[in-house]
N, C-alpha and C. Protein backbone atom coordinates (compact mmCIF):
# COMPACT_ATOMS: atom_id res chain seq x y z
N UNK A 1 -26.44 9.29 21.16
CA UNK A 1 -26.88 10.48 20.46
C UNK A 1 -25.89 10.84 19.36
N UNK A 2 -24.59 10.67 19.65
CA UNK A 2 -23.58 10.99 18.66
C UNK A 2 -23.72 10.11 17.42
N UNK A 3 -24.06 8.82 17.65
CA UNK A 3 -24.25 7.88 16.53
C UNK A 3 -25.39 8.35 15.63
N UNK A 4 -26.49 8.82 16.23
CA UNK A 4 -27.63 9.30 15.44
C UNK A 4 -27.24 10.55 14.67
N UNK A 5 -26.51 11.48 15.31
CA UNK A 5 -26.08 12.71 14.64
C UNK A 5 -25.19 12.38 13.45
N UNK A 6 -24.23 11.47 13.64
CA UNK A 6 -23.36 11.07 12.52
C UNK A 6 -24.16 10.44 11.40
N UNK A 7 -25.13 9.60 11.77
CA UNK A 7 -25.94 8.93 10.76
C UNK A 7 -26.75 9.94 9.97
N UNK A 8 -27.37 10.90 10.67
CA UNK A 8 -28.18 11.90 9.98
C UNK A 8 -27.32 12.79 9.10
N UNK A 9 -26.08 13.07 9.51
CA UNK A 9 -25.17 13.83 8.67
C UNK A 9 -24.91 13.09 7.36
N UNK A 10 -24.85 11.76 7.43
CA UNK A 10 -24.61 10.97 6.24
C UNK A 10 -25.77 11.03 5.26
N UNK A 11 -26.97 11.36 5.74
CA UNK A 11 -28.11 11.50 4.83
C UNK A 11 -27.88 12.64 3.86
N UNK A 12 -26.98 13.56 4.20
CA UNK A 12 -26.70 14.70 3.32
C UNK A 12 -25.71 14.33 2.22
N UNK A 13 -24.95 13.25 2.44
CA UNK A 13 -23.93 12.83 1.48
C UNK A 13 -24.52 11.88 0.43
N UNK A 14 -23.74 11.68 -0.65
CA UNK A 14 -24.18 10.77 -1.71
C UNK A 14 -24.00 9.31 -1.33
N UNK A 15 -23.07 9.02 -0.42
CA UNK A 15 -22.87 7.64 0.00
C UNK A 15 -22.85 7.58 1.52
N UNK A 16 -22.95 6.40 2.03
CA UNK A 16 -23.01 6.25 3.48
C UNK A 16 -22.01 5.19 3.91
N UNK A 17 -20.79 5.61 4.20
CA UNK A 17 -19.76 4.66 4.60
C UNK A 17 -20.11 3.98 5.91
N UNK A 18 -20.71 4.70 6.86
CA UNK A 18 -21.07 4.07 8.13
C UNK A 18 -22.21 3.09 7.95
N UNK A 19 -23.00 3.23 6.87
CA UNK A 19 -24.10 2.30 6.61
C UNK A 19 -23.57 0.97 6.09
N UNK A 20 -22.41 1.00 5.49
CA UNK A 20 -21.87 -0.19 4.85
C UNK A 20 -20.95 -0.94 5.82
N UNK A 21 -20.24 -0.21 6.66
CA UNK A 21 -19.25 -0.82 7.53
C UNK A 21 -19.86 -1.65 8.65
N UNK A 22 -21.12 -1.41 8.98
CA UNK A 22 -21.77 -2.10 10.08
C UNK A 22 -22.74 -3.14 9.54
N UNK A 23 -22.96 -4.19 10.34
CA UNK A 23 -23.97 -5.19 9.99
C UNK A 23 -25.35 -4.65 10.31
N UNK A 24 -26.32 -5.04 9.51
CA UNK A 24 -27.70 -4.62 9.74
C UNK A 24 -28.19 -5.23 11.04
N UNK A 25 -28.79 -4.41 11.89
CA UNK A 25 -29.33 -4.87 13.16
C UNK A 25 -30.80 -4.46 13.23
N UNK A 26 -31.73 -5.41 13.11
CA UNK A 26 -33.15 -5.05 13.10
C UNK A 26 -33.61 -4.36 14.39
N UNK A 27 -32.91 -4.56 15.50
CA UNK A 27 -33.31 -3.90 16.75
C UNK A 27 -33.16 -2.38 16.65
N UNK A 28 -32.27 -1.91 15.78
CA UNK A 28 -32.10 -0.48 15.60
C UNK A 28 -33.23 0.13 14.79
N UNK A 29 -34.04 -0.69 14.16
CA UNK A 29 -35.14 -0.20 13.34
C UNK A 29 -36.41 0.05 14.13
N UNK A 30 -36.40 -0.32 15.41
CA UNK A 30 -37.60 -0.17 16.21
C UNK A 30 -38.06 1.28 16.25
N UNK A 31 -39.37 1.47 16.16
CA UNK A 31 -39.94 2.81 16.14
C UNK A 31 -40.59 3.07 17.50
N UNK A 32 -40.13 4.11 18.22
CA UNK A 32 -40.69 4.37 19.54
C UNK A 32 -42.16 4.77 19.46
N UNK A 33 -42.93 4.26 20.40
CA UNK A 33 -44.36 4.56 20.45
C UNK A 33 -44.82 4.51 21.90
N UNK A 34 -46.03 4.94 22.15
CA UNK A 34 -46.58 4.87 23.50
C UNK A 34 -47.28 3.53 23.68
N UNK A 35 -47.32 3.04 24.92
CA UNK A 35 -47.98 1.78 25.25
C UNK A 35 -49.39 2.08 25.72
N UNK A 36 -50.36 1.35 25.18
CA UNK A 36 -51.77 1.62 25.50
C UNK A 36 -52.46 0.43 26.15
N UNK A 37 -51.72 -0.43 26.80
CA UNK A 37 -52.33 -1.58 27.48
C UNK A 37 -52.63 -1.28 28.94
N UNK A 38 -53.36 -2.18 29.58
CA UNK A 38 -53.71 -2.02 30.99
C UNK A 38 -52.60 -2.49 31.92
N UNK A 39 -51.73 -3.35 31.43
CA UNK A 39 -50.68 -3.92 32.27
C UNK A 39 -49.42 -3.07 32.19
N UNK A 40 -48.35 -3.54 32.85
CA UNK A 40 -47.07 -2.84 32.79
C UNK A 40 -46.53 -2.87 31.37
N UNK A 41 -45.69 -1.90 31.06
CA UNK A 41 -45.07 -1.82 29.74
C UNK A 41 -44.22 -3.08 29.54
N UNK A 42 -44.40 -3.77 28.40
CA UNK A 42 -43.60 -4.98 28.14
C UNK A 42 -42.10 -4.64 28.08
N UNK A 43 -41.25 -5.62 28.37
CA UNK A 43 -39.81 -5.37 28.32
C UNK A 43 -39.37 -5.02 26.90
N UNK A 44 -38.25 -4.29 26.84
CA UNK A 44 -37.70 -3.91 25.53
C UNK A 44 -37.31 -5.16 24.75
N UNK A 45 -37.38 -5.00 23.43
CA UNK A 45 -36.92 -6.03 22.50
C UNK A 45 -37.62 -7.36 22.64
N UNK A 46 -38.88 -7.34 23.05
CA UNK A 46 -39.63 -8.58 23.11
C UNK A 46 -39.70 -9.16 21.70
N UNK A 47 -39.42 -10.42 21.54
CA UNK A 47 -39.34 -11.06 20.24
C UNK A 47 -40.61 -10.79 19.43
N UNK A 48 -40.41 -10.38 18.20
CA UNK A 48 -41.53 -10.17 17.29
C UNK A 48 -42.06 -8.75 17.28
N UNK A 49 -41.66 -7.91 18.25
CA UNK A 49 -42.14 -6.53 18.27
C UNK A 49 -41.45 -5.70 17.20
N UNK A 50 -42.22 -4.81 16.59
CA UNK A 50 -41.66 -3.86 15.62
C UNK A 50 -41.56 -2.48 16.25
N UNK A 51 -42.05 -2.35 17.48
CA UNK A 51 -42.04 -1.07 18.17
C UNK A 51 -41.33 -1.22 19.51
N UNK A 52 -40.88 -0.10 20.02
CA UNK A 52 -40.35 -0.06 21.37
C UNK A 52 -41.19 0.97 22.11
N UNK A 53 -41.66 0.60 23.27
CA UNK A 53 -42.55 1.48 24.02
C UNK A 53 -41.73 2.43 24.87
N UNK A 54 -41.96 3.73 24.68
CA UNK A 54 -41.19 4.72 25.43
C UNK A 54 -41.85 5.09 26.74
N UNK A 55 -43.20 4.95 26.83
CA UNK A 55 -43.92 5.27 28.06
C UNK A 55 -45.38 4.87 27.88
N UNK A 56 -46.15 4.95 28.97
CA UNK A 56 -47.60 4.72 28.87
C UNK A 56 -48.23 5.93 28.21
N UNK A 57 -49.16 5.67 27.31
CA UNK A 57 -49.82 6.76 26.62
C UNK A 57 -50.96 7.36 27.43
N UNK A 58 -51.26 8.62 27.17
CA UNK A 58 -52.42 9.25 27.78
C UNK A 58 -53.67 8.71 27.10
N UNK A 59 -54.83 8.99 27.69
CA UNK A 59 -56.09 8.54 27.08
C UNK A 59 -56.23 9.08 25.67
N UNK A 60 -55.89 10.33 25.48
CA UNK A 60 -56.00 10.96 24.16
C UNK A 60 -55.04 10.30 23.15
N UNK A 61 -53.79 10.08 23.57
CA UNK A 61 -52.81 9.44 22.68
C UNK A 61 -53.27 8.05 22.28
N UNK A 62 -53.79 7.31 23.23
CA UNK A 62 -54.22 5.94 22.95
C UNK A 62 -55.47 5.92 22.07
N UNK A 63 -56.37 6.88 22.28
CA UNK A 63 -57.54 6.99 21.42
C UNK A 63 -57.09 7.28 19.98
N UNK A 64 -56.18 8.23 19.83
CA UNK A 64 -55.67 8.59 18.51
C UNK A 64 -54.96 7.41 17.87
N UNK A 65 -54.15 6.71 18.66
CA UNK A 65 -53.41 5.54 18.16
C UNK A 65 -54.39 4.45 17.70
N UNK A 66 -55.42 4.20 18.49
CA UNK A 66 -56.43 3.20 18.13
C UNK A 66 -57.21 3.60 16.89
N UNK A 67 -57.57 4.87 16.80
CA UNK A 67 -58.29 5.37 15.63
C UNK A 67 -57.42 5.24 14.39
N UNK A 68 -56.14 5.60 14.53
CA UNK A 68 -55.20 5.49 13.41
C UNK A 68 -55.01 4.05 12.98
N UNK A 69 -54.96 3.13 13.93
CA UNK A 69 -54.81 1.70 13.60
C UNK A 69 -56.02 1.21 12.83
N UNK A 70 -57.20 1.66 13.25
CA UNK A 70 -58.43 1.28 12.54
C UNK A 70 -58.45 1.83 11.12
N UNK A 71 -58.03 3.08 10.96
CA UNK A 71 -57.98 3.70 9.62
C UNK A 71 -56.97 2.96 8.74
N UNK A 72 -55.80 2.63 9.31
CA UNK A 72 -54.77 1.92 8.55
C UNK A 72 -55.26 0.54 8.14
N UNK A 73 -55.94 -0.15 9.06
CA UNK A 73 -56.48 -1.46 8.76
C UNK A 73 -57.50 -1.38 7.62
N UNK A 74 -58.35 -0.38 7.65
CA UNK A 74 -59.33 -0.18 6.60
C UNK A 74 -58.65 0.16 5.27
N UNK A 75 -57.60 0.98 5.34
CA UNK A 75 -56.84 1.35 4.14
C UNK A 75 -56.23 0.10 3.50
N UNK A 76 -55.67 -0.79 4.34
CA UNK A 76 -55.05 -2.00 3.82
C UNK A 76 -56.05 -2.91 3.11
N UNK A 77 -57.29 -2.94 3.60
CA UNK A 77 -58.32 -3.76 2.95
C UNK A 77 -58.58 -3.31 1.53
N UNK A 78 -58.43 -2.00 1.28
CA UNK A 78 -58.71 -1.43 -0.03
C UNK A 78 -57.45 -1.23 -0.87
N UNK A 79 -56.32 -1.68 -0.37
CA UNK A 79 -55.05 -1.53 -1.09
C UNK A 79 -54.73 -2.83 -1.81
N UNK A 80 -54.43 -2.76 -3.11
CA UNK A 80 -54.11 -3.99 -3.84
C UNK A 80 -52.87 -4.68 -3.27
N UNK A 81 -52.87 -6.00 -3.29
CA UNK A 81 -51.72 -6.76 -2.84
C UNK A 81 -50.49 -6.39 -3.65
N UNK A 82 -49.36 -6.28 -3.00
CA UNK A 82 -48.13 -5.92 -3.69
C UNK A 82 -47.90 -4.42 -3.77
N UNK A 83 -48.87 -3.64 -3.34
CA UNK A 83 -48.71 -2.18 -3.35
C UNK A 83 -47.66 -1.78 -2.34
N UNK A 84 -46.87 -0.79 -2.68
CA UNK A 84 -45.87 -0.28 -1.75
C UNK A 84 -46.52 0.33 -0.51
N UNK A 85 -47.78 0.74 -0.63
CA UNK A 85 -48.49 1.35 0.50
C UNK A 85 -48.83 0.33 1.58
N UNK A 86 -48.58 -0.96 1.34
CA UNK A 86 -48.78 -1.95 2.40
C UNK A 86 -47.64 -1.90 3.42
N UNK A 87 -46.56 -1.20 3.09
CA UNK A 87 -45.44 -1.01 4.01
C UNK A 87 -45.80 0.17 4.92
N UNK A 88 -45.74 0.00 6.24
CA UNK A 88 -46.08 1.12 7.13
C UNK A 88 -45.27 2.38 6.80
N UNK A 89 -45.92 3.52 6.91
CA UNK A 89 -45.37 4.86 6.67
C UNK A 89 -45.16 5.17 5.19
N UNK A 90 -45.57 4.27 4.29
CA UNK A 90 -45.47 4.56 2.86
C UNK A 90 -46.87 4.93 2.36
N UNK A 91 -47.01 6.15 1.94
CA UNK A 91 -48.29 6.63 1.42
C UNK A 91 -48.16 7.01 -0.04
N UNK A 92 -49.10 7.82 -0.50
CA UNK A 92 -49.15 8.23 -1.92
C UNK A 92 -47.85 8.88 -2.37
N UNK A 93 -47.35 9.82 -1.56
CA UNK A 93 -46.15 10.58 -1.95
C UNK A 93 -44.95 9.66 -2.18
N UNK A 94 -44.67 8.79 -1.22
CA UNK A 94 -43.51 7.92 -1.33
C UNK A 94 -43.71 6.86 -2.41
N UNK A 95 -44.94 6.36 -2.55
CA UNK A 95 -45.20 5.39 -3.61
C UNK A 95 -44.93 6.04 -4.97
N UNK A 96 -45.35 7.27 -5.14
CA UNK A 96 -45.10 8.01 -6.37
C UNK A 96 -43.60 8.20 -6.60
N UNK A 97 -42.85 8.52 -5.53
CA UNK A 97 -41.40 8.68 -5.64
C UNK A 97 -40.73 7.37 -6.07
N UNK A 98 -41.19 6.24 -5.53
CA UNK A 98 -40.64 4.95 -5.95
C UNK A 98 -40.88 4.73 -7.44
N UNK A 99 -42.06 5.10 -7.91
CA UNK A 99 -42.41 4.89 -9.32
C UNK A 99 -41.63 5.81 -10.25
N UNK A 100 -41.18 6.98 -9.75
CA UNK A 100 -40.40 7.91 -10.56
C UNK A 100 -38.92 7.58 -10.54
N UNK A 101 -38.50 6.72 -9.62
CA UNK A 101 -37.09 6.35 -9.51
C UNK A 101 -36.71 5.49 -10.72
N UNK A 102 -35.44 5.58 -11.15
CA UNK A 102 -34.96 4.75 -12.25
C UNK A 102 -34.00 3.72 -11.68
N UNK A 103 -34.24 2.41 -11.86
CA UNK A 103 -35.36 1.80 -12.55
C UNK A 103 -36.65 1.94 -11.74
N UNK A 104 -37.77 1.98 -12.43
CA UNK A 104 -39.07 2.17 -11.78
C UNK A 104 -39.35 1.04 -10.78
N UNK A 105 -39.81 1.44 -9.63
CA UNK A 105 -40.20 0.48 -8.60
C UNK A 105 -41.70 0.67 -8.39
N UNK A 106 -42.50 -0.17 -9.04
CA UNK A 106 -43.96 0.00 -9.05
C UNK A 106 -44.67 -0.73 -7.91
N UNK A 107 -44.03 -1.74 -7.34
CA UNK A 107 -44.69 -2.55 -6.31
C UNK A 107 -43.63 -3.22 -5.44
N UNK A 108 -44.09 -3.99 -4.47
CA UNK A 108 -43.15 -4.63 -3.55
C UNK A 108 -42.26 -5.67 -4.25
N UNK A 109 -42.78 -6.30 -5.29
CA UNK A 109 -41.95 -7.25 -6.05
C UNK A 109 -40.78 -6.53 -6.73
N UNK A 110 -41.06 -5.37 -7.33
CA UNK A 110 -40.00 -4.58 -7.96
C UNK A 110 -38.97 -4.13 -6.92
N UNK A 111 -39.45 -3.75 -5.75
CA UNK A 111 -38.55 -3.33 -4.67
C UNK A 111 -37.63 -4.48 -4.27
N UNK A 112 -38.20 -5.67 -4.13
CA UNK A 112 -37.40 -6.84 -3.77
C UNK A 112 -36.36 -7.15 -4.85
N UNK A 113 -36.78 -7.13 -6.11
CA UNK A 113 -35.85 -7.41 -7.22
C UNK A 113 -34.70 -6.40 -7.23
N UNK A 114 -35.04 -5.13 -7.03
CA UNK A 114 -34.02 -4.08 -7.00
C UNK A 114 -33.00 -4.36 -5.90
N UNK A 115 -33.50 -4.63 -4.69
CA UNK A 115 -32.62 -4.78 -3.53
C UNK A 115 -31.81 -6.07 -3.58
N UNK A 116 -32.31 -7.09 -4.24
CA UNK A 116 -31.56 -8.35 -4.36
C UNK A 116 -30.36 -8.20 -5.29
N UNK A 117 -30.43 -7.26 -6.22
CA UNK A 117 -29.37 -7.14 -7.23
C UNK A 117 -28.44 -5.95 -7.00
N UNK A 118 -28.69 -5.16 -5.97
CA UNK A 118 -27.90 -3.94 -5.75
C UNK A 118 -27.05 -4.06 -4.49
N UNK A 119 -26.06 -3.18 -4.41
CA UNK A 119 -25.20 -3.14 -3.23
C UNK A 119 -25.91 -2.38 -2.11
N UNK A 120 -25.36 -2.50 -0.93
CA UNK A 120 -25.91 -1.76 0.23
C UNK A 120 -25.91 -0.27 -0.06
N UNK A 121 -24.85 0.23 -0.67
CA UNK A 121 -24.76 1.66 -0.99
C UNK A 121 -25.85 2.09 -1.97
N UNK A 122 -26.14 1.25 -2.98
CA UNK A 122 -27.22 1.56 -3.93
C UNK A 122 -28.58 1.61 -3.24
N UNK A 123 -28.81 0.67 -2.35
CA UNK A 123 -30.08 0.64 -1.61
C UNK A 123 -30.21 1.89 -0.75
N UNK A 124 -29.13 2.24 -0.07
CA UNK A 124 -29.11 3.44 0.77
C UNK A 124 -29.44 4.69 -0.06
N UNK A 125 -28.77 4.84 -1.21
CA UNK A 125 -28.98 6.02 -2.06
C UNK A 125 -30.41 6.07 -2.59
N UNK A 126 -30.94 4.93 -2.98
CA UNK A 126 -32.31 4.89 -3.49
C UNK A 126 -33.30 5.32 -2.41
N UNK A 127 -33.19 4.76 -1.21
CA UNK A 127 -34.11 5.10 -0.12
C UNK A 127 -33.97 6.57 0.27
N UNK A 128 -32.75 7.06 0.26
CA UNK A 128 -32.49 8.46 0.60
C UNK A 128 -33.15 9.41 -0.41
N UNK A 129 -33.21 8.99 -1.64
CA UNK A 129 -33.82 9.82 -2.69
C UNK A 129 -35.35 9.71 -2.67
N UNK A 130 -35.86 8.52 -2.44
CA UNK A 130 -37.30 8.25 -2.54
C UNK A 130 -38.08 8.71 -1.31
N UNK A 131 -37.48 8.61 -0.13
CA UNK A 131 -38.21 8.86 1.11
C UNK A 131 -37.97 10.26 1.67
N UNK A 132 -37.98 11.24 0.80
CA UNK A 132 -37.80 12.63 1.22
C UNK A 132 -39.14 13.26 1.56
N UNK A 133 -39.17 13.95 2.71
CA UNK A 133 -40.35 14.72 3.08
C UNK A 133 -40.32 16.03 2.28
N UNK A 134 -41.35 16.82 2.41
CA UNK A 134 -41.45 18.08 1.66
C UNK A 134 -40.30 19.04 1.97
N UNK A 135 -39.74 18.94 3.17
CA UNK A 135 -38.64 19.82 3.56
C UNK A 135 -37.26 19.25 3.18
N UNK A 136 -37.25 18.23 2.31
CA UNK A 136 -36.03 17.58 1.82
C UNK A 136 -35.22 16.88 2.91
N UNK A 137 -35.89 16.42 3.95
CA UNK A 137 -35.26 15.60 4.98
C UNK A 137 -35.82 14.19 4.86
N UNK A 138 -34.95 13.21 5.01
CA UNK A 138 -35.38 11.82 4.89
C UNK A 138 -36.35 11.47 6.02
N UNK A 139 -37.44 10.81 5.68
CA UNK A 139 -38.43 10.35 6.66
C UNK A 139 -37.86 9.11 7.34
N UNK A 140 -37.40 9.28 8.57
CA UNK A 140 -36.70 8.21 9.27
C UNK A 140 -37.59 7.02 9.57
N UNK A 141 -38.85 7.26 9.91
CA UNK A 141 -39.75 6.15 10.20
C UNK A 141 -40.03 5.35 8.93
N UNK A 142 -40.24 6.02 7.82
CA UNK A 142 -40.47 5.32 6.56
C UNK A 142 -39.21 4.56 6.15
N UNK A 143 -38.05 5.18 6.33
CA UNK A 143 -36.77 4.55 6.01
C UNK A 143 -36.61 3.24 6.79
N UNK A 144 -36.80 3.31 8.11
CA UNK A 144 -36.68 2.11 8.95
C UNK A 144 -37.74 1.07 8.58
N UNK A 145 -38.94 1.54 8.28
CA UNK A 145 -40.03 0.63 7.95
C UNK A 145 -39.75 -0.15 6.67
N UNK A 146 -39.22 0.53 5.66
CA UNK A 146 -38.88 -0.16 4.41
C UNK A 146 -37.76 -1.17 4.65
N UNK A 147 -36.75 -0.77 5.44
CA UNK A 147 -35.66 -1.71 5.74
C UNK A 147 -36.17 -2.94 6.48
N UNK A 148 -37.09 -2.75 7.41
CA UNK A 148 -37.64 -3.90 8.13
C UNK A 148 -38.48 -4.78 7.20
N UNK A 149 -39.21 -4.17 6.29
CA UNK A 149 -39.98 -4.95 5.31
C UNK A 149 -39.02 -5.82 4.49
N UNK A 150 -37.94 -5.23 4.01
CA UNK A 150 -36.96 -5.97 3.21
C UNK A 150 -36.31 -7.08 4.04
N UNK A 151 -35.95 -6.76 5.27
CA UNK A 151 -35.33 -7.75 6.15
C UNK A 151 -36.27 -8.92 6.41
N UNK A 152 -37.53 -8.61 6.71
CA UNK A 152 -38.53 -9.65 6.97
C UNK A 152 -38.83 -10.47 5.72
N UNK A 153 -38.53 -9.90 4.54
CA UNK A 153 -38.76 -10.60 3.28
C UNK A 153 -37.54 -11.41 2.84
N UNK A 154 -36.50 -11.43 3.67
CA UNK A 154 -35.35 -12.28 3.37
C UNK A 154 -34.11 -11.58 2.86
N UNK A 155 -34.14 -10.28 2.71
CA UNK A 155 -32.95 -9.55 2.25
C UNK A 155 -32.16 -9.13 3.49
N UNK A 156 -30.94 -9.61 3.58
CA UNK A 156 -30.15 -9.39 4.80
C UNK A 156 -29.03 -8.37 4.61
N UNK A 157 -28.62 -8.11 3.36
CA UNK A 157 -27.56 -7.13 3.11
C UNK A 157 -28.22 -5.76 2.92
N UNK A 158 -28.33 -5.03 4.03
CA UNK A 158 -29.04 -3.75 4.04
C UNK A 158 -28.22 -2.70 4.77
N UNK A 159 -28.47 -1.41 4.44
CA UNK A 159 -27.83 -0.36 5.23
C UNK A 159 -28.40 -0.35 6.65
N UNK A 160 -27.69 0.27 7.57
CA UNK A 160 -28.16 0.32 8.96
C UNK A 160 -29.37 1.23 9.07
N UNK A 161 -30.17 0.97 10.08
CA UNK A 161 -31.35 1.80 10.36
C UNK A 161 -30.96 3.05 11.13
N UNK A 162 -31.87 3.99 11.18
CA UNK A 162 -31.73 5.14 12.06
C UNK A 162 -32.27 4.72 13.42
N UNK A 163 -31.47 4.85 14.45
CA UNK A 163 -31.93 4.49 15.79
C UNK A 163 -32.76 5.65 16.32
N UNK A 164 -34.06 5.43 16.53
CA UNK A 164 -34.99 6.49 16.88
C UNK A 164 -35.29 6.58 18.38
N UNK A 165 -34.72 5.74 19.18
CA UNK A 165 -35.03 5.76 20.61
C UNK A 165 -33.81 5.99 21.44
């Protein structure tokens, strides 16, 4: 808990020394969710999972989760390839923020080019500026999701994720 508190305090600063001193660990990017299967909850850190299951979901939670997955799948069908909205948790607001950032990041190719040429601190500052919710707090799920997208795309020099579980 102390690690998360220190990390969130760093979101208020212009730089993140703790983000640079540590190696990127994709397991810290896992986003907690409910499990909606009929069997026992799978073990933590099963290879290839992007989520960590915190508990079995209620019928209502699983219905909502399934409905949301269907809506997201439908949204992806209508989203142009290379759109930043293909990254989970990135919607209109964050895509617009990426486009307003200097240099402009209009699509996933621009994001990759930016991150390949910048330091970990620059990437951290950019994400901290772009992924702000309306209350000026960084969206932790979107932050982790973008970092995982970059990691899965071959960029390994990244700031640390927010551990959400």
